[in-house]
């Protein structure tokens, strides 16, 4: 086999190994936090030699930073695909609420890792300026929705874009981050599909009705 034939196979193998390590890191850090996670366990989960973890990520901190960046940039990339700037205000806002709710629901890695990072007061997230920059663009998009909504849909004036997004995020997140205690206290399985669907509708109605001065706004989807 020629050297040119070998290189693509080597590159594919390296990419697959890195992906396995990253996936294993997400699971380990999400369940045990940074302090409780062990590189040996991550390597075992990834079915690779621990030297490969250090080779590709430089060690435990480098892998943790890569995991953090992955989950935060992934949600920002998916938000970009919503094309909020080119959607009518009510539809754009509804898209954002539905997306945020479902993203939290379908991506437990984000919920777990964000929770773990908060216990450390954002110590490592501070080292990822690219994440903060991406978050700023989302708030700008929401501000655009609100401005257009004032002109076209009788949205309340002077709604703060960041405050609104934090409300959307909180309403999409709390029942997942606290699902075990909430499920016990209120005797309702917070992971039940039908309940989550009803919750998403409830959250969407709350946000849309808050933004408009007219009650009973009709959702677009």
C-alpha atoms as a PDB file:
ATOM      1  CA  UNK A   1       0.000   0.000   0.000  1.00  0.00           C
ATOM      2  CA  UNK A   2       1.359   3.426  -0.883  1.00  0.00           C
ATOM      3  CA  UNK A   3       1.857   6.251   1.623  1.00  0.00           C
ATOM      4  CA  UNK A   4      -0.961   8.241  -0.011  1.00  0.00           C
ATOM      5  CA  UNK A   5      -3.310   5.316   0.597  1.00  0.00           C
ATOM      6  CA  UNK A   6      -2.329   5.119   4.255  1.00  0.00           C
ATOM      7  CA  UNK A   7      -2.773   8.807   5.155  1.00  0.00           C
ATOM      8  CA  UNK A   8      -6.561   9.049   4.687  1.00  0.00           C
ATOM      9  CA  UNK A   9      -7.045   5.932   6.807  1.00  0.00           C
ATOM     10  CA  UNK A  10      -4.808   7.369   9.532  1.00  0.00           C
ATOM     11  CA  UNK A  11      -6.708  10.670   9.488  1.00  0.00           C
ATOM     12  CA  UNK A  12     -10.048   8.862   9.701  1.00  0.00           C
ATOM     13  CA  UNK A  13      -8.821   6.762  12.618  1.00  0.00           C
ATOM     14  CA  UNK A  14      -7.531   9.852  14.447  1.00  0.00           C
ATOM     15  CA  UNK A  15     -10.827  11.677  13.965  1.00  0.00           C
ATOM     16  CA  UNK A  16     -12.777   8.664  15.209  1.00  0.00           C
ATOM     17  CA  UNK A  17     -10.554   8.315  18.271  1.00  0.00           C
ATOM     18  CA  UNK A  18     -10.903  12.009  19.149  1.00  0.00           C
ATOM     19  CA  UNK A  19     -14.673  11.773  18.733  1.00  0.00           C
ATOM     20  CA  UNK A  20     -14.849   8.764  21.064  1.00  0.00           C
ATOM     21  CA  UNK A  21     -12.733  10.510  23.688  1.00  0.00           C
ATOM     22  CA  UNK A  22     -14.891  13.630  23.470  1.00  0.00           C
ATOM     23  CA  UNK A  23     -18.086  11.603  23.805  1.00  0.00           C
ATOM     24  CA  UNK A  24     -16.672   9.721  26.770  1.00  0.00           C
ATOM     25  CA  UNK A  25     -15.565  12.998  28.325  1.00  0.00           C
ATOM     26  CA  UNK A  26     -19.050  14.474  28.005  1.00  0.00           C
ATOM     27  CA  UNK A  27     -20.520  11.479  29.810  1.00  0.00           C
ATOM     28  CA  UNK A  28     -17.903  11.405  32.564  1.00  0.00           C
ATOM     29  CA  UNK A  29     -17.799  15.146  33.257  1.00  0.00           C
ATOM     30  CA  UNK A  30     -21.575  15.388  33.036  1.00  0.00           C
ATOM     31  CA  UNK A  31     -22.150  12.677  35.627  1.00  0.00           C
ATOM     32  CA  UNK A  32     -19.238  13.374  37.994  1.00  0.00           C
ATOM     33  CA  UNK A  33     -18.221  16.972  37.413  1.00  0.00           C
ATOM     34  CA  UNK A  34     -14.669  18.077  36.741  1.00  0.00           C
ATOM     35  CA  UNK A  35     -13.297  17.085  40.126  1.00  0.00           C
ATOM     36  CA  UNK A  36     -14.849  13.638  40.165  1.00  0.00           C
ATOM     37  CA  UNK A  37     -14.019  12.697  36.582  1.00  0.00           C
ATOM     38  CA  UNK A  38     -11.008  10.469  35.960  1.00  0.00           C
ATOM     39  CA  UNK A  39      -8.965  10.374  32.776  1.00  0.00           C
ATOM     40  CA  UNK A  40      -8.480   6.634  33.196  1.00  0.00           C
ATOM     41  CA  UNK A  41     -12.232   6.106  33.185  1.00  0.00           C
ATOM     42  CA  UNK A  42     -12.673   8.368  30.168  1.00  0.00           C
ATOM     43  CA  UNK A  43     -10.013   6.460  28.229  1.00  0.00           C
ATOM     44  CA  UNK A  44     -11.686   3.185  29.150  1.00  0.00           C
ATOM     45  CA  UNK A  45     -15.072   4.509  27.997  1.00  0.00           C
ATOM     46  CA  UNK A  46     -13.472   5.643  24.741  1.00  0.00           C
ATOM     47  CA  UNK A  47     -11.748   2.286  24.299  1.00  0.00           C
ATOM     48  CA  UNK A  48      -8.370   3.876  23.775  1.00  0.00           C
ATOM     49  CA  UNK A  49      -5.007   4.186  25.475  1.00  0.00           C
ATOM     50  CA  UNK A  50      -4.852   7.050  27.987  1.00  0.00           C
ATOM     51  CA  UNK A  51      -1.812   8.373  26.116  1.00  0.00           C
ATOM     52  CA  UNK A  52      -4.129   9.159  23.211  1.00  0.00           C
ATOM     53  CA  UNK A  53      -6.270  11.362  25.452  1.00  0.00           C
ATOM     54  CA  UNK A  54      -3.186  13.377  26.391  1.00  0.00           C
ATOM     55  CA  UNK A  55      -1.981  13.399  22.804  1.00  0.00           C
ATOM     56  CA  UNK A  56      -5.190  14.887  21.386  1.00  0.00           C
ATOM     57  CA  UNK A  57      -6.361  17.065  24.276  1.00  0.00           C
ATOM     58  CA  UNK A  58      -3.307  17.707  26.435  1.00  0.00           C
ATOM     59  CA  UNK A  59      -4.885  16.223  29.537  1.00  0.00           C
ATOM     60  CA  UNK A  60      -7.977  16.451  31.700  1.00  0.00           C
ATOM     61  CA  UNK A  61      -8.425  20.227  31.553  1.00  0.00           C
ATOM     62  CA  UNK A  62      -7.934  20.372  27.804  1.00  0.00           C
ATOM     63  CA  UNK A  63     -10.568  17.686  27.286  1.00  0.00           C
ATOM     64  CA  UNK A  64     -12.994  19.390  29.673  1.00  0.00           C
ATOM     65  CA  UNK A  65     -12.591  22.692  27.803  1.00  0.00           C
ATOM     66  CA  UNK A  66     -13.198  20.888  24.515  1.00  0.00           C
ATOM     67  CA  UNK A  67     -16.378  19.342  25.932  1.00  0.00           C
ATOM     68  CA  UNK A  68     -17.624  22.696  27.213  1.00  0.00           C
ATOM     69  CA  UNK A  69     -16.956  24.396  23.910  1.00  0.00           C
ATOM     70  CA  UNK A  70     -18.655  21.601  22.006  1.00  0.00           C
ATOM     71  CA  UNK A  71     -21.964  21.761  23.873  1.00  0.00           C
ATOM     72  CA  UNK A  72     -22.143  25.559  23.943  1.00  0.00           C
ATOM     73  CA  UNK A  73     -21.167  26.127  20.330  1.00  0.00           C
ATOM     74  CA  UNK A  74     -23.484  23.338  19.199  1.00  0.00           C
ATOM     75  CA  UNK A  75     -26.552  25.126  20.552  1.00  0.00           C
ATOM     76  CA  UNK A  76     -25.409  28.415  18.994  1.00  0.00           C
ATOM     77  CA  UNK A  77     -24.853  26.731  15.610  1.00  0.00           C
ATOM     78  CA  UNK A  78     -28.306  25.173  15.708  1.00  0.00           C
ATOM     79  CA  UNK A  79     -29.869  28.519  16.637  1.00  0.00           C
ATOM     80  CA  UNK A  80     -28.283  30.072  13.558  1.00  0.00           C
ATOM     81  CA  UNK A  81     -30.132  27.543  11.417  1.00  0.00           C
ATOM     82  CA  UNK A  82     -33.474  28.853  12.703  1.00  0.00           C
ATOM     83  CA  UNK A  83     -33.045  31.902  10.456  1.00  0.00           C
ATOM     84  CA  UNK A  84     -34.718  34.125  13.042  1.00  0.00           C
ATOM     85  CA  UNK A  85     -33.919  37.380  11.243  1.00  0.00           C
ATOM     86  CA  UNK A  86     -35.965  36.332   8.222  1.00  0.00           C
ATOM     87  CA  UNK A  87     -39.003  34.984  10.068  1.00  0.00           C
ATOM     88  CA  UNK A  88     -42.023  37.079  11.148  1.00  0.00           C
ATOM     89  CA  UNK A  89     -41.661  38.158  14.799  1.00  0.00           C
ATOM     90  CA  UNK A  90     -44.241  35.809  16.337  1.00  0.00           C
ATOM     91  CA  UNK A  91     -43.002  32.864  14.290  1.00  0.00           C
ATOM     92  CA  UNK A  92     -39.366  33.700  15.103  1.00  0.00           C
ATOM     93  CA  UNK A  93     -40.068  33.864  18.819  1.00  0.00           C
ATOM     94  CA  UNK A  94     -42.019  30.634  18.737  1.00  0.00           C
ATOM     95  CA  UNK A  95     -39.195  28.940  16.829  1.00  0.00           C
ATOM     96  CA  UNK A  96     -36.712  30.055  19.466  1.00  0.00           C
ATOM     97  CA  UNK A  97     -38.830  28.799  22.372  1.00  0.00           C
ATOM     98  CA  UNK A  98     -39.544  25.450  20.716  1.00  0.00           C
ATOM     99  CA  UNK A  99     -35.909  25.006  19.763  1.00  0.00           C
ATOM    100  CA  UNK A 100     -34.555  25.906  23.203  1.00  0.00           C
ATOM    101  CA  UNK A 101     -37.010  23.627  24.973  1.00  0.00           C
ATOM    102  CA  UNK A 102     -36.346  20.688  22.660  1.00  0.00           C
ATOM    103  CA  UNK A 103     -32.589  21.195  22.623  1.00  0.00           C
ATOM    104  CA  UNK A 104     -32.441  20.916  26.400  1.00  0.00           C
ATOM    105  CA  UNK A 105     -34.732  17.917  26.227  1.00  0.00           C
ATOM    106  CA  UNK A 106     -32.674  16.078  23.611  1.00  0.00           C
ATOM    107  CA  UNK A 107     -29.178  17.084  24.710  1.00  0.00           C
ATOM    108  CA  UNK A 108     -28.648  16.029  28.319  1.00  0.00           C
ATOM    109  CA  UNK A 109     -24.905  16.593  27.869  1.00  0.00           C
ATOM    110  CA  UNK A 110     -25.575  20.338  27.828  1.00  0.00           C
ATOM    111  CA  UNK A 111     -27.777  20.224  30.922  1.00  0.00           C
ATOM    112  CA  UNK A 112     -25.309  18.092  32.863  1.00  0.00           C
ATOM    113  CA  UNK A 113     -22.171  19.954  31.823  1.00  0.00           C
ATOM    114  CA  UNK A 114     -23.686  23.399  32.399  1.00  0.00           C
ATOM    115  CA  UNK A 115     -24.714  22.254  35.853  1.00  0.00           C
ATOM    116  CA  UNK A 116     -21.246  20.936  36.601  1.00  0.00           C
ATOM    117  CA  UNK A 117     -19.607  24.158  35.414  1.00  0.00           C
ATOM    118  CA  UNK A 118     -21.934  26.260  37.557  1.00  0.00           C
ATOM    119  CA  UNK A 119     -20.790  24.420  40.664  1.00  0.00           C
ATOM    120  CA  UNK A 120     -17.317  25.802  39.849  1.00  0.00           C
ATOM    121  CA  UNK A 121     -18.673  29.320  39.239  1.00  0.00           C
ATOM    122  CA  UNK A 122     -17.819  29.229  35.542  1.00  0.00           C
ATOM    123  CA  UNK A 123     -14.110  28.746  36.208  1.00  0.00           C
ATOM    124  CA  UNK A 124     -13.365  27.051  32.899  1.00  0.00           C
ATOM    125  CA  UNK A 125     -15.992  28.723  30.735  1.00  0.00           C
ATOM    126  CA  UNK A 126     -14.109  31.987  31.292  1.00  0.00           C
ATOM    127  CA  UNK A 127     -11.283  30.489  29.264  1.00  0.00           C
ATOM    128  CA  UNK A 128     -13.501  30.127  26.179  1.00  0.00           C
ATOM    129  CA  UNK A 129     -14.102  33.647  24.768  1.00  0.00           C
ATOM    130  CA  UNK A 130     -15.498  32.165  21.566  1.00  0.00           C
ATOM    131  CA  UNK A 131     -18.475  30.851  23.541  1.00  0.00           C
ATOM    132  CA  UNK A 132     -19.308  34.282  24.979  1.00  0.00           C
ATOM    133  CA  UNK A 133     -19.005  35.894  21.553  1.00  0.00           C
ATOM    134  CA  UNK A 134     -21.458  33.381  20.073  1.00  0.00           C
ATOM    135  CA  UNK A 135     -23.938  34.041  22.885  1.00  0.00           C
ATOM    136  CA  UNK A 136     -23.880  37.780  22.139  1.00  0.00           C
ATOM    137  CA  UNK A 137     -25.065  37.158  18.587  1.00  0.00           C
ATOM    138  CA  UNK A 138     -28.141  35.321  19.924  1.00  0.00           C
ATOM    139  CA  UNK A 139     -29.151  38.277  22.115  1.00  0.00           C
ATOM    140  CA  UNK A 140     -28.747  40.541  19.094  1.00  0.00           C
ATOM    141  CA  UNK A 141     -31.104  38.288  17.126  1.00  0.00           C
ATOM    142  CA  UNK A 142     -33.697  38.384  19.906  1.00  0.00           C
ATOM    143  CA  UNK A 143     -33.434  42.176  20.076  1.00  0.00           C
ATOM    144  CA  UNK A 144     -34.171  42.271  16.353  1.00  0.00           C
ATOM    145  CA  UNK A 145     -37.249  40.088  16.847  1.00  0.00           C
ATOM    146  CA  UNK A 146     -38.526  42.384  19.592  1.00  0.00           C
ATOM    147  CA  UNK A 147     -37.984  45.565  17.571  1.00  0.00           C
ATOM    148  CA  UNK A 148     -39.787  44.118  14.585  1.00  0.00           C
ATOM    149  CA  UNK A 149     -42.483  42.808  16.887  1.00  0.00           C
ATOM    150  CA  UNK A 150     -43.159  46.306  18.230  1.00  0.00           C
ATOM    151  CA  UNK A 151     -43.753  47.609  14.712  1.00  0.00           C
ATOM    152  CA  UNK A 152     -45.561  44.659  13.185  1.00  0.00           C
ATOM    153  CA  UNK A 153     -47.273  42.698  15.975  1.00  0.00           C
ATOM    154  CA  UNK A 154     -47.958  45.118  18.818  1.00  0.00           C
ATOM    155  CA  UNK A 155     -45.304  43.630  21.080  1.00  0.00           C
ATOM    156  CA  UNK A 156     -44.825  45.454  24.365  1.00  0.00           C
ATOM    157  CA  UNK A 157     -42.101  48.104  24.021  1.00  0.00           C
ATOM    158  CA  UNK A 158     -38.801  48.017  25.869  1.00  0.00           C
ATOM    159  CA  UNK A 159     -38.658  44.278  26.533  1.00  0.00           C
ATOM    160  CA  UNK A 160     -35.107  43.395  27.502  1.00  0.00           C
ATOM    161  CA  UNK A 161     -33.719  40.742  25.132  1.00  0.00           C
ATOM    162  CA  UNK A 162     -31.422  39.143  27.694  1.00  0.00           C
ATOM    163  CA  UNK A 163     -34.129  39.023  30.349  1.00  0.00           C
ATOM    164  CA  UNK A 164     -36.487  37.399  27.869  1.00  0.00           C
ATOM    165  CA  UNK A 165     -33.970  34.762  26.805  1.00  0.00           C
ATOM    166  CA  UNK A 166     -33.135  33.914  30.414  1.00  0.00           C
ATOM    167  CA  UNK A 167     -36.857  33.352  30.984  1.00  0.00           C
ATOM    168  CA  UNK A 168     -37.040  31.071  27.939  1.00  0.00           C
ATOM    169  CA  UNK A 169     -33.948  29.193  29.076  1.00  0.00           C
ATOM    170  CA  UNK A 170     -35.138  28.833  32.665  1.00  0.00           C
ATOM    171  CA  UNK A 171     -38.554  27.563  31.614  1.00  0.00           C
ATOM    172  CA  UNK A 172     -36.866  25.043  29.302  1.00  0.00           C
ATOM    173  CA  UNK A 173     -34.234  23.899  31.788  1.00  0.00           C
ATOM    174  CA  UNK A 174     -35.396  23.693  35.400  1.00  0.00           C
ATOM    175  CA  UNK A 175     -37.641  20.652  35.002  1.00  0.00           C
ATOM    176  CA  UNK A 176     -34.634  18.788  33.535  1.00  0.00           C
ATOM    177  CA  UNK A 177     -31.859  19.927  35.855  1.00  0.00           C
ATOM    178  CA  UNK A 178     -34.081  19.239  38.904  1.00  0.00           C
ATOM    179  CA  UNK A 179     -36.136  16.431  37.406  1.00  0.00           C
ATOM    180  CA  UNK A 180     -35.444  13.864  40.114  1.00  0.00           C
ATOM    181  CA  UNK A 181     -36.493  15.986  43.084  1.00  0.00           C
ATOM    182  CA  UNK A 182     -39.380  17.604  41.208  1.00  0.00           C
ATOM    183  CA  UNK A 183     -40.699  14.219  40.076  1.00  0.00           C
ATOM    184  CA  UNK A 184     -40.702  12.969  43.668  1.00  0.00           C
ATOM    185  CA  UNK A 185     -42.172  16.112  45.211  1.00  0.00           C
ATOM    186  CA  UNK A 186     -45.009  16.522  42.723  1.00  0.00           C
ATOM    187  CA  UNK A 187     -45.539  12.876  41.806  1.00  0.00           C
ATOM    188  CA  UNK A 188     -45.106  13.657  38.121  1.00  0.00           C
ATOM    189  CA  UNK A 189     -42.479  12.048  35.907  1.00  0.00           C
ATOM    190  CA  UNK A 190     -40.682  15.071  34.459  1.00  0.00           C
ATOM    191  CA  UNK A 191     -39.247  12.909  31.685  1.00  0.00           C
ATOM    192  CA  UNK A 192     -42.641  11.691  30.435  1.00  0.00           C
ATOM    193  CA  UNK A 193     -43.037  12.499  26.722  1.00  0.00           C
ATOM    194  CA  UNK A 194     -46.662  13.608  26.883  1.00  0.00           C
ATOM    195  CA  UNK A 195     -45.991  15.804  29.911  1.00  0.00           C
ATOM    196  CA  UNK A 196     -42.988  17.403  28.206  1.00  0.00           C
ATOM    197  CA  UNK A 197     -45.056  18.146  25.092  1.00  0.00           C
ATOM    198  CA  UNK A 198     -47.688  19.849  27.253  1.00  0.00           C
ATOM    199  CA  UNK A 199     -44.966  21.720  29.120  1.00  0.00           C
ATOM    200  CA  UNK A 200     -43.493  23.017  25.864  1.00  0.00           C
ATOM    201  CA  UNK A 201     -46.894  24.351  24.755  1.00  0.00           C
ATOM    202  CA  UNK A 202     -47.378  25.990  28.155  1.00  0.00           C
ATOM    203  CA  UNK A 203     -43.957  27.660  28.031  1.00  0.00           C
ATOM    204  CA  UNK A 204     -44.497  28.887  24.477  1.00  0.00           C
ATOM    205  CA  UNK A 205     -47.864  30.410  25.332  1.00  0.00           C
ATOM    206  CA  UNK A 206     -46.398  32.159  28.373  1.00  0.00           C
ATOM    207  CA  UNK A 207     -43.586  33.773  26.381  1.00  0.00           C
ATOM    208  CA  UNK A 208     -45.751  34.806  23.430  1.00  0.00           C
ATOM    209  CA  UNK A 209     -48.473  36.261  25.621  1.00  0.00           C
ATOM    210  CA  UNK A 210     -45.921  38.163  27.655  1.00  0.00           C
ATOM    211  CA  UNK A 211     -44.539  39.835  24.559  1.00  0.00           C
ATOM    212  CA  UNK A 212     -47.846  40.946  23.087  1.00  0.00           C
ATOM    213  CA  UNK A 213     -50.381  43.369  24.506  1.00  0.00           C
ATOM    214  CA  UNK A 214     -53.189  41.255  23.068  1.00  0.00           C
ATOM    215  CA  UNK A 215     -54.327  38.205  24.998  1.00  0.00           C
ATOM    216  CA  UNK A 216     -54.862  34.849  23.345  1.00  0.00           C
ATOM    217  CA  UNK A 217     -52.247  35.201  20.628  1.00  0.00           C
ATOM    218  CA  UNK A 218     -52.446  32.314  18.196  1.00  0.00           C
ATOM    219  CA  UNK A 219     -49.257  30.275  17.816  1.00  0.00           C
ATOM    220  CA  UNK A 220     -48.006  29.797  14.281  1.00  0.00           C
ATOM    221  CA  UNK A 221     -47.267  26.062  14.484  1.00  0.00           C
END
